[in-house]
Amino acid sequence: MSDIVFIYIVSGNESEARKIASVLLAERLIACANIFPEHLSLYRWEGKEVVGAEVAMILKTRAELFDAVAAKVKSLHSYDCPCIVSLPVGQGYSPYLDWIAAETG
């Protein structure tokens, strides 16, 4: 079992996603960020249905860094309640997982 996690985050636009990813990389809280093109999101917020564009990110890091990543994302994010969730990586190509571990912390 790996101690590597992927952290899924959405933001309001690509500029915000790039800013968040750049800060996390500079602080060595993540090894990599994949930023996906703008997509359509439908959700309920404050009792109303919302349809809007968002940008998704997958961040690669170690599980022990989740709290630090989440705190930094929250400090940089424009949303009141941003999606910041950790997805465990059960297995993976060992050299790749080792690279993630070496690039963080």
PDB file of N, CA and C in Angstrom:
ATOM      1  N   MET A   1       0.854  -1.188   0.000  1.00  0.00           N
ATOM      2  CA  MET A   1       0.000   0.000   0.000  1.00  0.00           C
ATOM      3  C   MET A   1       0.892   1.241   0.000  1.00  0.00           C
ATOM      4  N   SER A   2       0.529   2.192  -0.797  1.00  0.00           N
ATOM      5  CA  SER A   2       1.304   3.410  -0.980  1.00  0.00           C
ATOM      6  C   SER A   2       0.849   4.496  -0.014  1.00  0.00           C
ATOM      7  N   ASP A   3       1.752   5.390   0.351  1.00  0.00           N
ATOM      8  CA  ASP A   3       1.365   6.565   1.143  1.00  0.00           C
ATOM      9  C   ASP A   3       1.166   7.773   0.232  1.00  0.00           C
ATOM     10  N   ILE A   4       1.080   7.516  -1.065  1.00  0.00           N
ATOM     11  CA  ILE A   4       0.851   8.572  -2.046  1.00  0.00           C
ATOM     12  C   ILE A   4      -0.648   8.781  -2.210  1.00  0.00           C
ATOM     13  N   VAL A   5      -1.045  10.062  -2.355  1.00  0.00           N
ATOM     14  CA  VAL A   5      -2.451  10.392  -2.606  1.00  0.00           C
ATOM     15  C   VAL A   5      -2.530  11.324  -3.805  1.00  0.00           C
ATOM     16  N   PHE A   6      -3.683  11.290  -4.453  1.00  0.00           N
ATOM     17  CA  PHE A   6      -4.033  12.282  -5.452  1.00  0.00           C
ATOM     18  C   PHE A   6      -5.068  13.178  -4.792  1.00  0.00           C
ATOM     19  N   ILE A   7      -4.893  14.468  -4.897  1.00  0.00           N
ATOM     20  CA  ILE A   7      -5.838  15.416  -4.318  1.00  0.00           C
ATOM     21  C   ILE A   7      -6.601  16.074  -5.468  1.00  0.00           C
ATOM     22  N   TYR A   8      -7.916  15.953  -5.400  1.00  0.00           N
ATOM     23  CA  TYR A   8      -8.796  16.503  -6.432  1.00  0.00           C
ATOM     24  C   TYR A   8      -9.318  17.848  -5.948  1.00  0.00           C
ATOM     25  N   ILE A   9      -9.175  18.858  -6.800  1.00  0.00           N
ATOM     26  CA  ILE A   9      -9.598  20.223  -6.477  1.00  0.00           C
ATOM     27  C   ILE A   9     -10.259  20.813  -7.721  1.00  0.00           C
ATOM     28  N   VAL A  10     -11.260  21.652  -7.521  1.00  0.00           N
ATOM     29  CA  VAL A  10     -11.796  22.447  -8.633  1.00  0.00           C
ATOM     30  C   VAL A  10     -11.641  23.923  -8.291  1.00  0.00           C
ATOM     31  N   SER A  11     -11.474  24.727  -9.327  1.00  0.00           N
ATOM     32  CA  SER A  11     -11.396  26.178  -9.146  1.00  0.00           C
ATOM     33  C   SER A  11     -12.256  26.850 -10.205  1.00  0.00           C
ATOM     34  N   GLY A  12     -12.416  28.138 -10.060  1.00  0.00           N
ATOM     35  CA  GLY A  12     -13.293  28.886 -10.946  1.00  0.00           C
ATOM     36  C   GLY A  12     -12.730  29.155 -12.327  1.00  0.00           C
ATOM     37  N   ASN A  13     -11.391  29.091 -12.460  1.00  0.00           N
ATOM     38  CA  ASN A  13     -10.786  29.370 -13.766  1.00  0.00           C
ATOM     39  C   ASN A  13      -9.350  28.856 -13.801  1.00  0.00           C
ATOM     40  N   GLU A  14      -8.769  28.827 -14.993  1.00  0.00           N
ATOM     41  CA  GLU A  14      -7.428  28.291 -15.162  1.00  0.00           C
ATOM     42  C   GLU A  14      -6.370  29.132 -14.456  1.00  0.00           C
ATOM     43  N   SER A  15      -6.547  30.434 -14.449  1.00  0.00           N
ATOM     44  CA  SER A  15      -5.580  31.313 -13.804  1.00  0.00           C
ATOM     45  C   SER A  15      -5.450  30.979 -12.313  1.00  0.00           C
ATOM     46  N   GLU A  16      -6.587  30.815 -11.654  1.00  0.00           N
ATOM     47  CA  GLU A  16      -6.558  30.458 -10.235  1.00  0.00           C
ATOM     48  C   GLU A  16      -5.926  29.084 -10.029  1.00  0.00           C
ATOM     49  N   ALA A  17      -6.258  28.128 -10.876  1.00  0.00           N
ATOM     50  CA  ALA A  17      -5.694  26.782 -10.764  1.00  0.00           C
ATOM     51  C   ALA A  17      -4.178  26.822 -10.925  1.00  0.00           C
ATOM     52  N   ARG A  18      -3.688  27.572 -11.896  1.00  0.00           N
ATOM     53  CA  ARG A  18      -2.241  27.673 -12.120  1.00  0.00           C
ATOM     54  C   ARG A  18      -1.539  28.337 -10.940  1.00  0.00           C
ATOM     55  N   LYS A  19      -2.161  29.355 -10.377  1.00  0.00           N
ATOM     56  CA  LYS A  19      -1.578  30.035  -9.210  1.00  0.00           C
ATOM     57  C   LYS A  19      -1.466  29.068  -8.038  1.00  0.00           C
ATOM     58  N   ILE A  20      -2.533  28.353  -7.754  1.00  0.00           N
ATOM     59  CA  ILE A  20      -2.526  27.391  -6.651  1.00  0.00           C
ATOM     60  C   ILE A  20      -1.452  26.332  -6.886  1.00  0.00           C
ATOM     61  N   ALA A  21      -1.424  25.759  -8.074  1.00  0.00           N
ATOM     62  CA  ALA A  21      -0.451  24.712  -8.385  1.00  0.00           C
ATOM     63  C   ALA A  21       0.986  25.234  -8.267  1.00  0.00           C
ATOM     64  N   SER A  22       1.240  26.438  -8.760  1.00  0.00           N
ATOM     65  CA  SER A  22       2.598  27.007  -8.714  1.00  0.00           C
ATOM     66  C   SER A  22       3.081  27.197  -7.284  1.00  0.00           C
ATOM     67  N   VAL A  23       2.216  27.700  -6.420  1.00  0.00           N
ATOM     68  CA  VAL A  23       2.596  27.889  -5.013  1.00  0.00           C
ATOM     69  C   VAL A  23       2.872  26.545  -4.353  1.00  0.00           C
ATOM     70  N   LEU A  24       2.014  25.574  -4.586  1.00  0.00           N
ATOM     71  CA  LEU A  24       2.202  24.245  -3.982  1.00  0.00           C
ATOM     72  C   LEU A  24       3.489  23.593  -4.470  1.00  0.00           C
ATOM     73  N   LEU A  25       3.802  23.748  -5.747  1.00  0.00           N
ATOM     74  CA  LEU A  25       5.063  23.216  -6.280  1.00  0.00           C
ATOM     75  C   LEU A  25       6.261  23.925  -5.661  1.00  0.00           C
ATOM     76  N   ALA A  26       6.200  25.240  -5.585  1.00  0.00           N
ATOM     77  CA  ALA A  26       7.312  26.013  -5.032  1.00  0.00           C
ATOM     78  C   ALA A  26       7.582  25.644  -3.577  1.00  0.00           C
ATOM     79  N   GLU A  27       6.527  25.334  -2.845  1.00  0.00           N
ATOM     80  CA  GLU A  27       6.677  24.968  -1.435  1.00  0.00           C
ATOM     81  C   GLU A  27       6.904  23.469  -1.247  1.00  0.00           C
ATOM     82  N   ARG A  28       7.048  22.742  -2.350  1.00  0.00           N
ATOM     83  CA  ARG A  28       7.307  21.292  -2.350  1.00  0.00           C
ATOM     84  C   ARG A  28       6.231  20.498  -1.605  1.00  0.00           C
ATOM     85  N   LEU A  29       5.001  21.024  -1.641  1.00  0.00           N
ATOM     86  CA  LEU A  29       3.873  20.307  -1.051  1.00  0.00           C
ATOM     87  C   LEU A  29       3.290  19.288  -2.025  1.00  0.00           C
ATOM     88  N   ILE A  30       3.569  19.465  -3.310  1.00  0.00           N
ATOM     89  CA  ILE A  30       3.144  18.518  -4.336  1.00  0.00           C
ATOM     90  C   ILE A  30       4.303  18.268  -5.291  1.00  0.00           C
ATOM     91  N   ALA A  31       4.249  17.127  -5.978  1.00  0.00           N
ATOM     92  CA  ALA A  31       5.252  16.816  -6.991  1.00  0.00           C
ATOM     93  C   ALA A  31       4.766  17.191  -8.379  1.00  0.00           C
ATOM     94  N   CYS A  32       3.448  17.228  -8.551  1.00  0.00           N
ATOM     95  CA  CYS A  32       2.881  17.431  -9.872  1.00  0.00           C
ATOM     96  C   CYS A  32       1.443  17.914  -9.745  1.00  0.00           C
ATOM     97  N   ALA A  33       1.009  18.701 -10.712  1.00  0.00           N
ATOM     98  CA  ALA A  33      -0.391  19.113 -10.805  1.00  0.00           C
ATOM     99  C   ALA A  33      -0.845  18.938 -12.246  1.00  0.00           C
ATOM    100  N   ASN A  34      -1.944  18.242 -12.425  1.00  0.00           N
ATOM    101  CA  ASN A  34      -2.584  18.162 -13.737  1.00  0.00           C
ATOM    102  C   ASN A  34      -3.775  19.100 -13.704  1.00  0.00           C
ATOM    103  N   ILE A  35      -3.815  20.029 -14.633  1.00  0.00           N
ATOM    104  CA  ILE A  35      -4.912  20.988 -14.719  1.00  0.00           C
ATOM    105  C   ILE A  35      -5.701  20.671 -15.984  1.00  0.00           C
ATOM    106  N   PHE A  36      -6.969  20.395 -15.805  1.00  0.00           N
ATOM    107  CA  PHE A  36      -7.834  19.988 -16.905  1.00  0.00           C
ATOM    108  C   PHE A  36      -8.586  21.188 -17.454  1.00  0.00           C
ATOM    109  N   PRO A  37      -8.943  21.158 -18.725  1.00  0.00           N
ATOM    110  CA  PRO A  37      -9.653  22.285 -19.341  1.00  0.00           C
ATOM    111  C   PRO A  37     -10.980  22.572 -18.651  1.00  0.00           C
ATOM    112  N   GLU A  38     -11.421  23.778 -18.861  1.00  0.00           N
ATOM    113  CA  GLU A  38     -12.701  24.200 -18.303  1.00  0.00           C
ATOM    114  C   GLU A  38     -13.795  23.202 -18.687  1.00  0.00           C
ATOM    115  N   HIS A  39     -14.651  22.909 -17.730  1.00  0.00           N
ATOM    116  CA  HIS A  39     -15.748  21.967 -17.937  1.00  0.00           C
ATOM    117  C   HIS A  39     -17.004  22.499 -17.248  1.00  0.00           C
ATOM    118  N   LEU A  40     -18.102  21.918 -17.571  1.00  0.00           N
ATOM    119  CA  LEU A  40     -19.379  22.326 -17.004  1.00  0.00           C
ATOM    120  C   LEU A  40     -19.611  21.623 -15.677  1.00  0.00           C
ATOM    121  N   SER A  41     -19.997  22.379 -14.661  1.00  0.00           N
ATOM    122  CA  SER A  41     -20.335  21.829 -13.346  1.00  0.00           C
ATOM    123  C   SER A  41     -21.765  22.222 -12.997  1.00  0.00           C
ATOM    124  N   LEU A  42     -22.500  21.270 -12.464  1.00  0.00           N
ATOM    125  CA  LEU A  42     -23.846  21.511 -11.959  1.00  0.00           C
ATOM    126  C   LEU A  42     -23.839  21.109 -10.495  1.00  0.00           C
ATOM    127  N   TYR A  43     -24.305  22.002  -9.623  1.00  0.00           N
ATOM    128  CA  TYR A  43     -24.298  21.707  -8.198  1.00  0.00           C
ATOM    129  C   TYR A  43     -25.323  22.585  -7.487  1.00  0.00           C
ATOM    130  N   ARG A  44     -25.577  22.240  -6.242  1.00  0.00           N
ATOM    131  CA  ARG A  44     -26.492  23.014  -5.418  1.00  0.00           C
ATOM    132  C   ARG A  44     -25.645  23.798  -4.424  1.00  0.00           C
ATOM    133  N   TRP A  45     -25.885  25.114  -4.361  1.00  0.00           N
ATOM    134  CA  TRP A  45     -25.150  25.979  -3.435  1.00  0.00           C
ATOM    135  C   TRP A  45     -26.133  26.970  -2.833  1.00  0.00           C
ATOM    136  N   GLU A  46     -26.142  27.014  -1.501  1.00  0.00           N
ATOM    137  CA  GLU A  46     -27.011  27.922  -0.753  1.00  0.00           C
ATOM    138  C   GLU A  46     -28.467  27.821  -1.220  1.00  0.00           C
ATOM    139  N   GLY A  47     -28.907  26.570  -1.415  1.00  0.00           N
ATOM    140  CA  GLY A  47     -30.298  26.300  -1.752  1.00  0.00           C
ATOM    141  C   GLY A  47     -30.684  26.508  -3.199  1.00  0.00           C
ATOM    142  N   LYS A  48     -29.716  26.835  -4.043  1.00  0.00           N
ATOM    143  CA  LYS A  48     -30.020  27.082  -5.447  1.00  0.00           C
ATOM    144  C   LYS A  48     -29.186  26.171  -6.345  1.00  0.00           C
ATOM    145  N   GLU A  49     -29.777  25.773  -7.466  1.00  0.00           N
ATOM    146  CA  GLU A  49     -29.018  25.015  -8.446  1.00  0.00           C
ATOM    147  C   GLU A  49     -28.144  25.981  -9.241  1.00  0.00           C
ATOM    148  N   VAL A  50     -26.887  25.605  -9.390  1.00  0.00           N
ATOM    149  CA  VAL A  50     -25.912  26.431 -10.097  1.00  0.00           C
ATOM    150  C   VAL A  50     -25.357  25.631 -11.270  1.00  0.00           C
ATOM    151  N   VAL A  51     -25.231  26.279 -12.397  1.00  0.00           N
ATOM    152  CA  VAL A  51     -24.579  25.709 -13.565  1.00  0.00           C
ATOM    153  C   VAL A  51     -23.478  26.689 -13.952  1.00  0.00           C
ATOM    154  N   GLY A  52     -22.249  26.195 -13.993  1.00  0.00           N
ATOM    155  CA  GLY A  52     -21.150  27.097 -14.314  1.00  0.00           C
ATOM    156  C   GLY A  52     -19.916  26.353 -14.766  1.00  0.00           C
ATOM    157  N   ALA A  53     -18.920  27.103 -15.177  1.00  0.00           N
ATOM    158  CA  ALA A  53     -17.659  26.538 -15.632  1.00  0.00           C
ATOM    159  C   ALA A  53     -16.683  26.438 -14.462  1.00  0.00           C
ATOM    160  N   GLU A  54     -15.938  25.343 -14.432  1.00  0.00           N
ATOM    161  CA  GLU A  54     -14.883  25.150 -13.437  1.00  0.00           C
ATOM    162  C   GLU A  54     -13.691  24.474 -14.108  1.00  0.00           C
ATOM    163  N   VAL A  55     -12.567  24.512 -13.425  1.00  0.00           N
ATOM    164  CA  VAL A  55     -11.343  23.864 -13.867  1.00  0.00           C
ATOM    165  C   VAL A  55     -10.948  22.873 -12.778  1.00  0.00           C
ATOM    166  N   ALA A  56     -10.708  21.628 -13.164  1.00  0.00           N
ATOM    167  CA  ALA A  56     -10.337  20.590 -12.201  1.00  0.00           C
ATOM    168  C   ALA A  56      -8.826  20.391 -12.197  1.00  0.00           C
ATOM    169  N   MET A  57      -8.315  19.993 -11.020  1.00  0.00           N
ATOM    170  CA  MET A  57      -6.900  19.683 -10.867  1.00  0.00           C
ATOM    171  C   MET A  57      -6.750  18.369 -10.115  1.00  0.00           C
ATOM    172  N   ILE A  58      -5.728  17.629 -10.476  1.00  0.00           N
ATOM    173  CA  ILE A  58      -5.301  16.485  -9.674  1.00  0.00           C
ATOM    174  C   ILE A  58      -3.865  16.760  -9.258  1.00  0.00           C
ATOM    175  N   LEU A  59      -3.652  16.772  -7.954  1.00  0.00           N
ATOM    176  CA  LEU A  59      -2.332  17.034  -7.382  1.00  0.00           C
ATOM    177  C   LEU A  59      -1.764  15.722  -6.861  1.00  0.00           C
ATOM    178  N   LYS A  60      -0.470  15.503  -7.036  1.00  0.00           N
ATOM    179  CA  LYS A  60       0.175  14.282  -6.557  1.00  0.00           C
ATOM    180  C   LYS A  60       1.096  14.630  -5.393  1.00  0.00           C
ATOM    181  N   THR A  61       0.903  13.919  -4.256  1.00  0.00           N
ATOM    182  CA  THR A  61       1.690  14.203  -3.063  1.00  0.00           C
ATOM    183  C   THR A  61       1.665  13.008  -2.117  1.00  0.00           C
ATOM    184  N   ARG A  62       2.267  13.201  -0.947  1.00  0.00           N
ATOM    185  CA  ARG A  62       2.240  12.186   0.104  1.00  0.00           C
ATOM    186  C   ARG A  62       1.057  12.445   1.034  1.00  0.00           C
ATOM    187  N   ALA A  63       0.482  11.382   1.557  1.00  0.00           N
ATOM    188  CA  ALA A  63      -0.696  11.481   2.420  1.00  0.00           C
ATOM    189  C   ALA A  63      -0.449  12.403   3.611  1.00  0.00           C
ATOM    190  N   GLU A  64       0.733  12.353   4.174  1.00  0.00           N
ATOM    191  CA  GLU A  64       1.027  13.162   5.362  1.00  0.00           C
ATOM    192  C   GLU A  64       1.021  14.674   5.072  1.00  0.00           C
ATOM    193  N   LEU A  65       1.058  15.055   3.809  1.00  0.00           N
ATOM    194  CA  LEU A  65       1.051  16.468   3.449  1.00  0.00           C
ATOM    195  C   LEU A  65      -0.349  17.002   3.152  1.00  0.00           C
ATOM    196  N   PHE A  66      -1.375  16.146   3.228  1.00  0.00           N
ATOM    197  CA  PHE A  66      -2.727  16.583   2.869  1.00  0.00           C
ATOM    198  C   PHE A  66      -3.160  17.816   3.654  1.00  0.00           C
ATOM    199  N   ASP A  67      -3.001  17.824   4.968  1.00  0.00           N
ATOM    200  CA  ASP A  67      -3.472  18.958   5.767  1.00  0.00           C
ATOM    201  C   ASP A  67      -2.777  20.265   5.357  1.00  0.00           C
ATOM    202  N   ALA A  68      -1.483  20.192   5.087  1.00  0.00           N
ATOM    203  CA  ALA A  68      -0.747  21.386   4.665  1.00  0.00           C
ATOM    204  C   ALA A  68      -1.205  21.843   3.284  1.00  0.00           C
ATOM    205  N   VAL A  69      -1.420  20.897   2.374  1.00  0.00           N
ATOM    206  CA  VAL A  69      -1.919  21.236   1.042  1.00  0.00           C
ATOM    207  C   VAL A  69      -3.299  21.871   1.156  1.00  0.00           C
ATOM    208  N   ALA A  70      -4.190  21.254   1.916  1.00  0.00           N
ATOM    209  CA  ALA A  70      -5.551  21.770   2.059  1.00  0.00           C
ATOM    210  C   ALA A  70      -5.553  23.182   2.646  1.00  0.00           C
ATOM    211  N   ALA A  71      -4.737  23.419   3.647  1.00  0.00           N
ATOM    212  CA  ALA A  71      -4.671  24.754   4.259  1.00  0.00           C
ATOM    213  C   ALA A  71      -4.170  25.790   3.260  1.00  0.00           C
ATOM    214  N   LYS A  72      -3.142  25.443   2.490  1.00  0.00           N
ATOM    215  CA  LYS A  72      -2.595  26.383   1.504  1.00  0.00           C
ATOM    216  C   LYS A  72      -3.606  26.639   0.393  1.00  0.00           C
ATOM    217  N   VAL A  73      -4.273  25.575  -0.085  1.00  0.00           N
ATOM    218  CA  VAL A  73      -5.294  25.756  -1.120  1.00  0.00           C
ATOM    219  C   VAL A  73      -6.391  26.676  -0.608  1.00  0.00           C
ATOM    220  N   LYS A  74      -6.867  26.432   0.591  1.00  0.00           N
ATOM    221  CA  LYS A  74      -7.942  27.259   1.158  1.00  0.00           C
ATOM    222  C   LYS A  74      -7.511  28.719   1.243  1.00  0.00           C
ATOM    223  N   SER A  75      -6.258  28.973   1.588  1.00  0.00           N
ATOM    224  CA  SER A  75      -5.780  30.357   1.714  1.00  0.00           C
ATOM    225  C   SER A  75      -5.688  31.074   0.366  1.00  0.00           C
ATOM    226  N   LEU A  76      -5.566  30.323  -0.721  1.00  0.00           N
ATOM    227  CA  LEU A  76      -5.400  30.900  -2.052  1.00  0.00           C
ATOM    228  C   LEU A  76      -6.679  30.861  -2.891  1.00  0.00           C
ATOM    229  N   HIS A  77      -7.651  30.089  -2.463  1.00  0.00           N
ATOM    230  CA  HIS A  77      -8.836  29.793  -3.276  1.00  0.00           C
ATOM    231  C   HIS A  77      -9.901  30.867  -3.128  1.00  0.00           C
ATOM    232  N   SER A  78     -10.631  31.112  -4.205  1.00  0.00           N
ATOM    233  CA  SER A  78     -11.686  32.126  -4.188  1.00  0.00           C
ATOM    234  C   SER A  78     -13.016  31.604  -3.640  1.00  0.00           C
ATOM    235  N   TYR A  79     -13.189  30.295  -3.580  1.00  0.00           N
ATOM    236  CA  TYR A  79     -14.459  29.726  -3.095  1.00  0.00           C
ATOM    237  C   TYR A  79     -14.509  29.749  -1.573  1.00  0.00           C
ATOM    238  N   ASP A  80     -15.705  29.928  -1.017  1.00  0.00           N
ATOM    239  CA  ASP A  80     -15.900  29.824   0.432  1.00  0.00           C
ATOM    240  C   ASP A  80     -15.697  28.394   0.912  1.00  0.00           C
ATOM    241  N   CYS A  81     -16.106  27.431   0.090  1.00  0.00           N
ATOM    242  CA  CYS A  81     -16.056  26.019   0.466  1.00  0.00           C
ATOM    243  C   CYS A  81     -15.510  25.208  -0.717  1.00  0.00           C
ATOM    244  N   PRO A  82     -14.194  25.296  -0.967  1.00  0.00           N
ATOM    245  CA  PRO A  82     -13.645  24.607  -2.135  1.00  0.00           C
ATOM    246  C   PRO A  82     -13.629  23.092  -1.970  1.00  0.00           C
ATOM    247  N   CYS A  83     -13.751  22.404  -3.089  1.00  0.00           N
ATOM    248  CA  CYS A  83     -13.589  20.949  -3.118  1.00  0.00           C
ATOM    249  C   CYS A  83     -12.098  20.653  -2.972  1.00  0.00           C
ATOM    250  N   ILE A  84     -11.739  19.986  -1.890  1.00  0.00           N
ATOM    251  CA  ILE A  84     -10.356  19.554  -1.658  1.00  0.00           C
ATOM    252  C   ILE A  84     -10.474  18.161  -1.061  1.00  0.00           C
ATOM    253  N   VAL A  85     -10.322  17.129  -1.880  1.00  0.00           N
ATOM    254  CA  VAL A  85     -10.480  15.762  -1.392  1.00  0.00           C
ATOM    255  C   VAL A  85      -9.271  14.914  -1.761  1.00  0.00           C
ATOM    256  N   SER A  86      -8.941  14.003  -0.882  1.00  0.00           N
ATOM    257  CA  SER A  86      -7.804  13.123  -1.066  1.00  0.00           C
ATOM    258  C   SER A  86      -8.279  11.746  -1.520  1.00  0.00           C
ATOM    259  N   LEU A  87      -7.612  11.237  -2.541  1.00  0.00           N
ATOM    260  CA  LEU A  87      -7.909   9.911  -3.071  1.00  0.00           C
ATOM    261  C   LEU A  87      -6.662   9.048  -2.905  1.00  0.00           C
ATOM    262  N   PRO A  88      -6.738   7.968  -2.127  1.00  0.00           N
ATOM    263  CA  PRO A  88      -5.546   7.148  -1.910  1.00  0.00           C
ATOM    264  C   PRO A  88      -5.121   6.426  -3.184  1.00  0.00           C
ATOM    265  N   VAL A  89      -3.822   6.281  -3.331  1.00  0.00           N
ATOM    266  CA  VAL A  89      -3.262   5.492  -4.429  1.00  0.00           C
ATOM    267  C   VAL A  89      -2.855   4.157  -3.824  1.00  0.00           C
ATOM    268  N   GLY A  90      -3.618   3.130  -4.116  1.00  0.00           N
ATOM    269  CA  GLY A  90      -3.340   1.818  -3.541  1.00  0.00           C
ATOM    270  C   GLY A  90      -2.084   1.178  -4.099  1.00  0.00           C
ATOM    271  N   GLN A  91      -1.942   1.257  -5.400  1.00  0.00           N
ATOM    272  CA  GLN A  91      -0.785   0.679  -6.069  1.00  0.00           C
ATOM    273  C   GLN A  91      -0.377   1.580  -7.211  1.00  0.00           C
ATOM    274  N   GLY A  92       0.851   1.433  -7.650  1.00  0.00           N
ATOM    275  CA  GLY A  92       1.333   2.209  -8.784  1.00  0.00           C
ATOM    276  C   GLY A  92       2.730   1.764  -9.170  1.00  0.00           C
ATOM    277  N   TYR A  93       3.215   2.300 -10.246  1.00  0.00           N
ATOM    278  CA  TYR A  93       4.555   2.023 -10.729  1.00  0.00           C
ATOM    279  C   TYR A  93       5.549   2.580  -9.711  1.00  0.00           C
ATOM    280  N   SER A  94       6.317   1.703  -9.087  1.00  0.00           N
ATOM    281  CA  SER A  94       7.184   2.082  -7.958  1.00  0.00           C
ATOM    282  C   SER A  94       8.106   3.261  -8.250  1.00  0.00           C
ATOM    283  N   PRO A  95       8.794   3.297  -9.386  1.00  0.00           N
ATOM    284  CA  PRO A  95       9.651   4.455  -9.648  1.00  0.00           C
ATOM    285  C   PRO A  95       8.877   5.775  -9.682  1.00  0.00           C
ATOM    286  N   TYR A  96       7.655   5.755 -10.199  1.00  0.00           N
ATOM    287  CA  TYR A  96       6.840   6.975 -10.235  1.00  0.00           C
ATOM    288  C   TYR A  96       6.437   7.392  -8.827  1.00  0.00           C
ATOM    289  N   LEU A  97       5.989   6.444  -8.028  1.00  0.00           N
ATOM    290  CA  LEU A  97       5.615   6.743  -6.645  1.00  0.00           C
ATOM    291  C   LEU A  97       6.816   7.239  -5.850  1.00  0.00           C
ATOM    292  N   ASP A  98       7.976   6.646  -6.096  1.00  0.00           N
ATOM    293  CA  ASP A  98       9.210   7.091  -5.430  1.00  0.00           C
ATOM    294  C   ASP A  98       9.549   8.538  -5.830  1.00  0.00           C
ATOM    295  N   TRP A  99       9.324   8.869  -7.101  1.00  0.00           N
ATOM    296  CA  TRP A  99       9.568  10.243  -7.572  1.00  0.00           C
ATOM    297  C   TRP A  99       8.667  11.230  -6.847  1.00  0.00           C
ATOM    298  N   ILE A 100       7.382  10.910  -6.695  1.00  0.00           N
ATOM    299  CA  ILE A 100       6.465  11.789  -5.971  1.00  0.00           C
ATOM    300  C   ILE A 100       6.976  12.004  -4.543  1.00  0.00           C
ATOM    301  N   ALA A 101       7.352  10.914  -3.893  1.00  0.00           N
ATOM    302  CA  ALA A 101       7.843  11.019  -2.511  1.00  0.00           C
ATOM    303  C   ALA A 101       9.111  11.870  -2.445  1.00  0.00           C
ATOM    304  N   ALA A 102      10.020  11.702  -3.402  1.00  0.00           N
ATOM    305  CA  ALA A 102      11.277  12.449  -3.390  1.00  0.00           C
ATOM    306  C   ALA A 102      11.081  13.939  -3.665  1.00  0.00           C
ATOM    307  N   GLU A 103      10.074  14.295  -4.441  1.00  0.00           N
ATOM    308  CA  GLU A 103       9.854  15.686  -4.827  1.00  0.00           C
ATOM    309  C   GLU A 103       9.038  16.485  -3.808  1.00  0.00           C
ATOM    310  N   THR A 104       8.518  15.830  -2.797  1.00  0.00           N
ATOM    311  CA  THR A 104       7.694  16.518  -1.804  1.00  0.00           C
ATOM    312  C   THR A 104       8.394  16.522  -0.461  1.00  0.00           C
ATOM    313  N   GLY A 105       8.234  17.632   0.244  1.00  0.00           N
ATOM    314  CA  GLY A 105       8.759  17.727   1.606  1.00  0.00           C
ATOM    315  C   GLY A 105      10.170  18.180   1.700  1.00  0.00           C
TER     316      GLY A 105
END
